[in-house]
Amino acid sequence: MAKLSLFDRRRQRVRSALRAQKGGRPRLSVHRSGRHIYAQIIDDAAGRTLASASSLAKGSKGPGATVDAAVRVGKELAEKAQQAGVTTVVFDRGGFLFHGRVKALADAAREAGLEF
């Protein structure tokens, strides 16, 4: 068995905890790269994406690797989710630590109406 990186170990730990608490709710998945941040709401039962937003999208202003960009993405995702009829989700941070841009996105999504 290959030795896993700390990121991969965190990702496995987060994913197993999500499976335990899921209860039929869609998953808000976050990916953070060096230049941008991406988020999508996924219905795993149906295997489809219900809503998505990123700092790479057209109309996005300013650099994508900032806390301000993460706040914009969180608000935009929450608006799209409400249009799709989604109000409660399970937050999947992947292997990313819950601080900085990931935390800013989550807080903005909560303020805009998503519950998790």
N, C-alpha and C. Protein backbone atom coordinates (compact mmCIF):
# COMPACT_ATOMS: atom_id res chain seq x y z
N MET A 1 0.84 -1.18 0.00
CA MET A 1 0.00 0.00 0.00
C MET A 1 0.89 1.24 0.00
N ALA A 2 0.59 2.14 -0.88
CA ALA A 2 1.39 3.36 -1.01
C ALA A 2 1.08 4.32 0.14
N LYS A 3 2.08 5.07 0.52
CA LYS A 3 1.90 6.05 1.59
C LYS A 3 1.12 7.23 1.05
N LEU A 4 0.05 7.63 1.75
CA LEU A 4 -0.79 8.73 1.31
C LEU A 4 -0.25 10.06 1.81
N SER A 5 -0.45 11.10 1.01
CA SER A 5 -0.07 12.43 1.46
C SER A 5 -1.05 12.91 2.52
N LEU A 6 -0.68 13.93 3.25
CA LEU A 6 -1.57 14.47 4.27
C LEU A 6 -2.88 14.95 3.65
N PHE A 7 -2.79 15.54 2.45
CA PHE A 7 -3.98 16.00 1.74
C PHE A 7 -4.92 14.83 1.46
N ASP A 8 -4.38 13.73 0.95
CA ASP A 8 -5.20 12.56 0.63
C ASP A 8 -5.81 11.93 1.88
N ARG A 9 -5.06 11.93 2.98
CA ARG A 9 -5.59 11.40 4.23
C ARG A 9 -6.75 12.26 4.73
N ARG A 10 -6.60 13.59 4.64
CA ARG A 10 -7.69 14.48 5.05
C ARG A 10 -8.91 14.27 4.16
N ARG A 11 -8.67 14.14 2.85
CA ARG A 11 -9.77 13.94 1.90
C ARG A 11 -10.55 12.67 2.24
N GLN A 12 -9.86 11.58 2.52
CA GLN A 12 -10.53 10.32 2.87
C GLN A 12 -11.32 10.47 4.17
N ARG A 13 -10.74 11.14 5.15
CA ARG A 13 -11.40 11.33 6.44
C ARG A 13 -12.67 12.16 6.29
N VAL A 14 -12.58 13.24 5.50
CA VAL A 14 -13.74 14.10 5.27
C VAL A 14 -14.83 13.34 4.51
N ARG A 15 -14.44 12.60 3.48
CA ARG A 15 -15.41 11.87 2.67
C ARG A 15 -16.13 10.80 3.47
N SER A 16 -15.42 10.09 4.35
CA SER A 16 -16.09 9.05 5.15
C SER A 16 -17.04 9.69 6.16
N ALA A 17 -16.68 10.83 6.71
CA ALA A 17 -17.59 11.52 7.63
C ALA A 17 -18.83 12.01 6.89
N LEU A 18 -18.67 12.45 5.65
CA LEU A 18 -19.82 12.90 4.85
C LEU A 18 -20.78 11.75 4.58
N ARG A 19 -20.23 10.59 4.25
CA ARG A 19 -21.08 9.44 3.99
C ARG A 19 -21.91 9.09 5.21
N ALA A 20 -21.34 9.25 6.39
CA ALA A 20 -22.03 8.90 7.63
C ALA A 20 -23.18 9.86 7.93
N GLN A 21 -23.05 11.14 7.61
CA GLN A 21 -24.06 12.13 7.98
C GLN A 21 -24.96 12.59 6.83
N LYS A 22 -24.75 12.12 5.64
CA LYS A 22 -25.37 12.67 4.45
C LYS A 22 -26.90 12.76 4.51
N GLY A 23 -27.59 11.67 4.61
CA GLY A 23 -29.04 11.70 4.75
C GLY A 23 -29.78 12.23 3.53
N GLY A 24 -29.30 12.00 2.31
CA GLY A 24 -30.00 12.39 1.11
C GLY A 24 -29.81 13.84 0.67
N ARG A 25 -28.99 14.58 1.39
CA ARG A 25 -28.78 15.98 1.00
C ARG A 25 -27.70 16.07 -0.07
N PRO A 26 -27.78 17.07 -0.96
CA PRO A 26 -26.72 17.26 -1.94
C PRO A 26 -25.43 17.72 -1.26
N ARG A 27 -24.33 17.59 -1.98
CA ARG A 27 -23.01 17.89 -1.44
C ARG A 27 -22.46 19.16 -2.08
N LEU A 28 -21.99 20.09 -1.25
CA LEU A 28 -21.33 21.30 -1.74
C LEU A 28 -19.83 21.00 -1.74
N SER A 29 -19.28 20.79 -2.92
CA SER A 29 -17.88 20.41 -3.07
C SER A 29 -17.06 21.63 -3.44
N VAL A 30 -15.91 21.81 -2.77
CA VAL A 30 -15.05 22.97 -3.00
C VAL A 30 -13.69 22.49 -3.49
N HIS A 31 -13.17 23.16 -4.51
CA HIS A 31 -11.80 22.91 -4.98
C HIS A 31 -11.08 24.25 -5.04
N ARG A 32 -9.89 24.27 -4.49
CA ARG A 32 -9.10 25.50 -4.44
C ARG A 32 -7.78 25.23 -5.15
N SER A 33 -7.50 26.02 -6.17
CA SER A 33 -6.21 25.91 -6.85
C SER A 33 -5.39 27.15 -6.53
N GLY A 34 -4.22 27.24 -7.08
CA GLY A 34 -3.37 28.39 -6.83
C GLY A 34 -3.91 29.67 -7.42
N ARG A 35 -4.72 29.57 -8.47
CA ARG A 35 -5.23 30.76 -9.16
C ARG A 35 -6.71 31.02 -8.99
N HIS A 36 -7.49 29.98 -8.71
CA HIS A 36 -8.94 30.14 -8.67
C HIS A 36 -9.56 29.27 -7.58
N ILE A 37 -10.85 29.46 -7.35
CA ILE A 37 -11.62 28.61 -6.44
C ILE A 37 -12.91 28.21 -7.16
N TYR A 38 -13.28 26.96 -6.98
CA TYR A 38 -14.44 26.39 -7.67
C TYR A 38 -15.35 25.73 -6.64
N ALA A 39 -16.65 25.80 -6.86
CA ALA A 39 -17.60 25.14 -5.97
C ALA A 39 -18.77 24.63 -6.79
N GLN A 40 -19.28 23.47 -6.39
CA GLN A 40 -20.46 22.94 -7.07
C GLN A 40 -21.31 22.16 -6.09
N ILE A 41 -22.59 22.13 -6.36
CA ILE A 41 -23.53 21.35 -5.56
C ILE A 41 -23.89 20.13 -6.38
N ILE A 42 -23.62 18.96 -5.80
CA ILE A 42 -23.74 17.69 -6.53
C ILE A 42 -24.78 16.81 -5.86
N ASP A 43 -25.67 16.25 -6.66
CA ASP A 43 -26.61 15.24 -6.18
C ASP A 43 -25.99 13.88 -6.51
N ASP A 44 -25.39 13.25 -5.50
CA ASP A 44 -24.68 11.99 -5.74
C ASP A 44 -25.62 10.85 -6.10
N ALA A 45 -26.85 10.89 -5.61
CA ALA A 45 -27.80 9.82 -5.93
C ALA A 45 -28.13 9.82 -7.41
N ALA A 46 -28.35 11.01 -7.98
CA ALA A 46 -28.67 11.12 -9.41
C ALA A 46 -27.41 11.22 -10.26
N GLY A 47 -26.27 11.56 -9.64
CA GLY A 47 -25.02 11.66 -10.38
C GLY A 47 -24.97 12.90 -11.26
N ARG A 48 -25.51 14.03 -10.77
CA ARG A 48 -25.48 15.23 -11.60
C ARG A 48 -25.22 16.47 -10.75
N THR A 49 -24.71 17.49 -11.42
CA THR A 49 -24.42 18.75 -10.77
C THR A 49 -25.65 19.64 -10.83
N LEU A 50 -26.07 20.16 -9.68
CA LEU A 50 -27.26 21.00 -9.60
C LEU A 50 -26.94 22.47 -9.80
N ALA A 51 -25.78 22.91 -9.30
CA ALA A 51 -25.37 24.31 -9.43
C ALA A 51 -23.86 24.38 -9.31
N SER A 52 -23.26 25.35 -9.99
CA SER A 52 -21.82 25.51 -9.89
C SER A 52 -21.46 26.98 -10.04
N ALA A 53 -20.30 27.33 -9.47
CA ALA A 53 -19.78 28.69 -9.58
C ALA A 53 -18.27 28.63 -9.41
N SER A 54 -17.58 29.58 -10.03
CA SER A 54 -16.14 29.63 -9.86
C SER A 54 -15.65 31.04 -10.10
N SER A 55 -14.43 31.30 -9.66
CA SER A 55 -13.83 32.61 -9.89
C SER A 55 -13.33 32.74 -11.32
N LEU A 56 -13.42 31.66 -12.08
CA LEU A 56 -12.98 31.64 -13.47
C LEU A 56 -14.09 32.05 -14.43
N ALA A 57 -15.33 32.07 -13.96
CA ALA A 57 -16.50 32.31 -14.80
C ALA A 57 -16.47 33.71 -15.43
N LYS A 58 -17.15 33.83 -16.56
CA LYS A 58 -17.26 35.14 -17.21
C LYS A 58 -17.98 36.11 -16.30
N GLY A 59 -17.57 37.35 -16.34
CA GLY A 59 -18.19 38.35 -15.49
C GLY A 59 -17.55 38.43 -14.12
N SER A 60 -16.61 37.52 -13.85
CA SER A 60 -15.90 37.54 -12.58
C SER A 60 -14.88 38.67 -12.62
N LYS A 61 -14.88 39.48 -11.58
CA LYS A 61 -14.01 40.65 -11.56
C LYS A 61 -12.83 40.40 -10.64
N GLY A 62 -11.66 40.85 -11.04
CA GLY A 62 -10.48 40.78 -10.20
C GLY A 62 -9.83 39.41 -10.19
N PRO A 63 -8.76 39.28 -9.41
CA PRO A 63 -8.05 38.00 -9.35
C PRO A 63 -8.89 36.92 -8.67
N GLY A 64 -8.63 35.67 -9.01
CA GLY A 64 -9.45 34.58 -8.51
C GLY A 64 -8.90 33.89 -7.29
N ALA A 65 -7.70 34.23 -6.85
CA ALA A 65 -7.08 33.52 -5.73
C ALA A 65 -7.11 34.37 -4.46
N THR A 66 -8.21 35.07 -4.23
CA THR A 66 -8.32 35.92 -3.05
C THR A 66 -9.55 35.55 -2.23
N VAL A 67 -9.57 36.02 -1.00
CA VAL A 67 -10.73 35.79 -0.14
C VAL A 67 -11.95 36.49 -0.72
N ASP A 68 -11.76 37.66 -1.32
CA ASP A 68 -12.88 38.38 -1.93
C ASP A 68 -13.50 37.57 -3.06
N ALA A 69 -12.68 36.91 -3.86
CA ALA A 69 -13.19 36.07 -4.94
C ALA A 69 -13.97 34.90 -4.37
N ALA A 70 -13.49 34.32 -3.28
CA ALA A 70 -14.19 33.20 -2.65
C ALA A 70 -15.55 33.63 -2.12
N VAL A 71 -15.63 34.84 -1.58
CA VAL A 71 -16.92 35.36 -1.09
C VAL A 71 -17.88 35.53 -2.26
N ARG A 72 -17.40 36.07 -3.38
CA ARG A 72 -18.26 36.23 -4.56
C ARG A 72 -18.76 34.88 -5.05
N VAL A 73 -17.88 33.88 -5.09
CA VAL A 73 -18.27 32.54 -5.55
C VAL A 73 -19.30 31.93 -4.61
N GLY A 74 -19.12 32.09 -3.31
CA GLY A 74 -20.07 31.56 -2.34
C GLY A 74 -21.46 32.16 -2.49
N LYS A 75 -21.52 33.47 -2.66
CA LYS A 75 -22.82 34.14 -2.84
C LYS A 75 -23.48 33.70 -4.14
N GLU A 76 -22.69 33.64 -5.21
CA GLU A 76 -23.23 33.24 -6.52
C GLU A 76 -23.75 31.81 -6.47
N LEU A 77 -23.01 30.92 -5.82
CA LEU A 77 -23.43 29.53 -5.73
C LEU A 77 -24.73 29.39 -4.93
N ALA A 78 -24.85 30.14 -3.85
CA ALA A 78 -26.07 30.08 -3.03
C ALA A 78 -27.27 30.56 -3.83
N GLU A 79 -27.10 31.61 -4.62
CA GLU A 79 -28.20 32.11 -5.45
C GLU A 79 -28.62 31.07 -6.48
N LYS A 80 -27.64 30.44 -7.14
CA LYS A 80 -27.96 29.42 -8.14
C LYS A 80 -28.62 28.20 -7.49
N ALA A 81 -28.18 27.86 -6.29
CA ALA A 81 -28.76 26.72 -5.58
C ALA A 81 -30.22 26.98 -5.23
N GLN A 82 -30.53 28.18 -4.79
CA GLN A 82 -31.91 28.51 -4.45
C GLN A 82 -32.79 28.50 -5.70
N GLN A 83 -32.25 28.92 -6.84
CA GLN A 83 -33.00 28.84 -8.09
C GLN A 83 -33.28 27.39 -8.47
N ALA A 84 -32.35 26.48 -8.11
CA ALA A 84 -32.51 25.06 -8.41
C ALA A 84 -33.34 24.35 -7.35
N GLY A 85 -33.75 25.07 -6.29
CA GLY A 85 -34.59 24.49 -5.27
C GLY A 85 -33.83 23.80 -4.15
N VAL A 86 -32.56 24.11 -3.99
CA VAL A 86 -31.73 23.49 -2.95
C VAL A 86 -31.54 24.49 -1.82
N THR A 87 -31.85 24.06 -0.59
CA THR A 87 -31.65 24.95 0.56
C THR A 87 -30.68 24.38 1.58
N THR A 88 -30.62 23.05 1.71
CA THR A 88 -29.68 22.43 2.65
C THR A 88 -28.71 21.53 1.91
N VAL A 89 -27.45 21.59 2.32
CA VAL A 89 -26.39 20.80 1.69
C VAL A 89 -25.47 20.24 2.78
N VAL A 90 -24.57 19.37 2.35
CA VAL A 90 -23.48 18.88 3.19
C VAL A 90 -22.21 19.49 2.62
N PHE A 91 -21.38 20.11 3.47
CA PHE A 91 -20.19 20.81 3.01
C PHE A 91 -19.03 19.83 2.87
N ASP A 92 -18.49 19.71 1.68
CA ASP A 92 -17.35 18.84 1.38
C ASP A 92 -16.15 19.71 1.04
N ARG A 93 -15.26 19.87 2.00
CA ARG A 93 -14.08 20.71 1.77
C ARG A 93 -12.96 19.93 1.11
N GLY A 94 -13.18 18.65 0.82
CA GLY A 94 -12.14 17.83 0.23
C GLY A 94 -11.00 17.68 1.21
N GLY A 95 -9.79 17.81 0.74
CA GLY A 95 -8.63 17.73 1.62
C GLY A 95 -8.13 19.09 2.05
N PHE A 96 -8.88 20.14 1.73
CA PHE A 96 -8.45 21.50 2.05
C PHE A 96 -8.80 21.85 3.48
N LEU A 97 -7.92 22.57 4.14
CA LEU A 97 -8.17 23.01 5.50
C LEU A 97 -9.28 24.06 5.51
N PHE A 98 -10.07 24.09 6.57
CA PHE A 98 -11.19 25.02 6.66
C PHE A 98 -10.71 26.35 7.23
N HIS A 99 -10.04 27.12 6.40
CA HIS A 99 -9.64 28.48 6.75
C HIS A 99 -9.34 29.22 5.47
N GLY A 100 -9.19 30.52 5.55
CA GLY A 100 -8.88 31.31 4.38
C GLY A 100 -9.99 31.32 3.36
N ARG A 101 -9.65 30.97 2.11
CA ARG A 101 -10.62 31.03 1.02
C ARG A 101 -11.76 30.03 1.17
N VAL A 102 -11.46 28.84 1.68
CA VAL A 102 -12.51 27.82 1.85
C VAL A 102 -13.53 28.28 2.89
N LYS A 103 -13.04 28.83 4.00
CA LYS A 103 -13.92 29.33 5.05
C LYS A 103 -14.72 30.53 4.56
N ALA A 104 -14.10 31.42 3.80
CA ALA A 104 -14.79 32.60 3.27
C ALA A 104 -15.92 32.18 2.34
N LEU A 105 -15.68 31.18 1.49
CA LEU A 105 -16.72 30.69 0.59
C LEU A 105 -17.88 30.10 1.39
N ALA A 106 -17.57 29.30 2.41
CA ALA A 106 -18.62 28.68 3.22
C ALA A 106 -19.45 29.72 3.97
N ASP A 107 -18.78 30.70 4.56
CA ASP A 107 -19.50 31.75 5.30
C ASP A 107 -20.40 32.56 4.38
N ALA A 108 -19.90 32.89 3.18
CA ALA A 108 -20.70 33.67 2.22
C ALA A 108 -21.92 32.87 1.76
N ALA A 109 -21.74 31.56 1.54
CA ALA A 109 -22.86 30.72 1.11
C ALA A 109 -23.92 30.64 2.21
N ARG A 110 -23.46 30.56 3.46
CA ARG A 110 -24.41 30.53 4.59
C ARG A 110 -25.18 31.83 4.69
N GLU A 111 -24.48 32.95 4.56
CA GLU A 111 -25.13 34.25 4.65
C GLU A 111 -26.14 34.44 3.53
N ALA A 112 -25.87 33.86 2.37
CA ALA A 112 -26.77 34.01 1.23
C ALA A 112 -27.93 33.03 1.25
N GLY A 113 -28.01 32.17 2.28
CA GLY A 113 -29.19 31.35 2.42
C GLY A 113 -29.01 29.84 2.43
N LEU A 114 -27.83 29.32 2.14
CA LEU A 114 -27.63 27.87 2.20
C LEU A 114 -27.47 27.44 3.64
N GLU A 115 -27.99 26.27 3.97
CA GLU A 115 -27.86 25.74 5.33
C GLU A 115 -26.97 24.52 5.31
N PHE A 116 -25.95 24.54 6.17
CA PHE A 116 -25.07 23.37 6.41
C PHE A 116 -24.29 23.56 7.68
